[in-house]
Amino acid sequence: MLLAETLRAMRAAQYHVAWFLWTSDQAARLYAQCGFEEARRFAVLAAELEVEG
């Protein structure tokens, strides 16, 4: 609830961006409900490496 209220207050103060380093699609829906929209999405790539020795 605190995050939602903070985002609403930011939107009311006409802040246009709020940066989150990592989020899920579920959290993104919360931000959208508070009036924010996605500006950028990054792909996270991972690979298992084999270590010899």
Protein backbone atom coordinates (compact mmCIF):
# COMPACT_ATOMS: atom_id res chain seq x y z
CA MET A 1 0.00 0.00 0.00
CA LEU A 2 2.85 2.36 0.79
CA LEU A 3 4.32 1.89 -2.70
CA ALA A 4 0.95 2.51 -4.35
CA GLU A 5 0.40 5.69 -2.32
CA THR A 6 3.92 6.89 -3.14
CA LEU A 7 3.36 6.32 -6.86
CA ARG A 8 0.03 8.14 -6.74
CA ALA A 9 1.64 11.08 -4.94
CA MET A 10 4.44 11.16 -7.50
CA ARG A 11 1.91 11.15 -10.34
CA ALA A 12 -0.08 13.96 -8.67
CA ALA A 13 3.14 15.98 -8.38
CA GLN A 14 3.60 15.44 -12.14
CA TYR A 15 6.66 13.24 -11.88
CA HIS A 16 6.91 11.44 -15.18
CA VAL A 17 9.26 8.60 -14.34
CA ALA A 18 9.93 6.16 -11.53
CA TRP A 19 12.88 3.83 -12.06
CA PHE A 20 12.76 0.26 -10.85
CA LEU A 21 15.81 -1.90 -11.36
CA TRP A 22 13.88 -5.13 -11.40
CA THR A 23 10.21 -5.95 -11.41
CA SER A 24 7.73 -8.59 -12.39
CA ASP A 25 4.75 -8.28 -14.72
CA GLN A 26 2.52 -8.41 -11.63
CA ALA A 27 4.29 -5.37 -10.15
CA ALA A 28 4.11 -3.60 -13.52
CA ARG A 29 0.30 -3.87 -13.35
CA LEU A 30 0.41 -2.03 -10.00
CA TYR A 31 2.47 0.77 -11.54
CA ALA A 32 0.01 0.99 -14.44
CA GLN A 33 -2.91 1.26 -12.00
CA CYS A 34 -1.10 4.22 -10.43
CA GLY A 35 -0.90 5.99 -13.79
CA PHE A 36 2.59 5.02 -14.92
CA GLU A 37 3.44 3.26 -18.16
CA GLU A 38 6.35 1.12 -19.25
CA ALA A 39 9.01 3.08 -21.11
CA ARG A 40 11.66 0.41 -21.56
CA ARG A 41 12.09 -3.32 -21.10
CA PHE A 42 15.36 -5.21 -20.96
CA ALA A 43 15.96 -8.85 -21.77
CA VAL A 44 17.71 -10.88 -19.10
CA LEU A 45 19.92 -13.57 -20.58
CA ALA A 46 21.44 -16.42 -18.59
CA ALA A 47 23.45 -19.50 -19.40
CA GLU A 48 24.83 -22.39 -17.36
CA LEU A 49 28.60 -22.62 -17.72
CA GLU A 50 30.54 -25.83 -17.33
CA VAL A 51 33.67 -25.55 -15.23
CA GLU A 52 36.48 -27.99 -15.91
CA GLY A 53 38.88 -29.08 -13.25
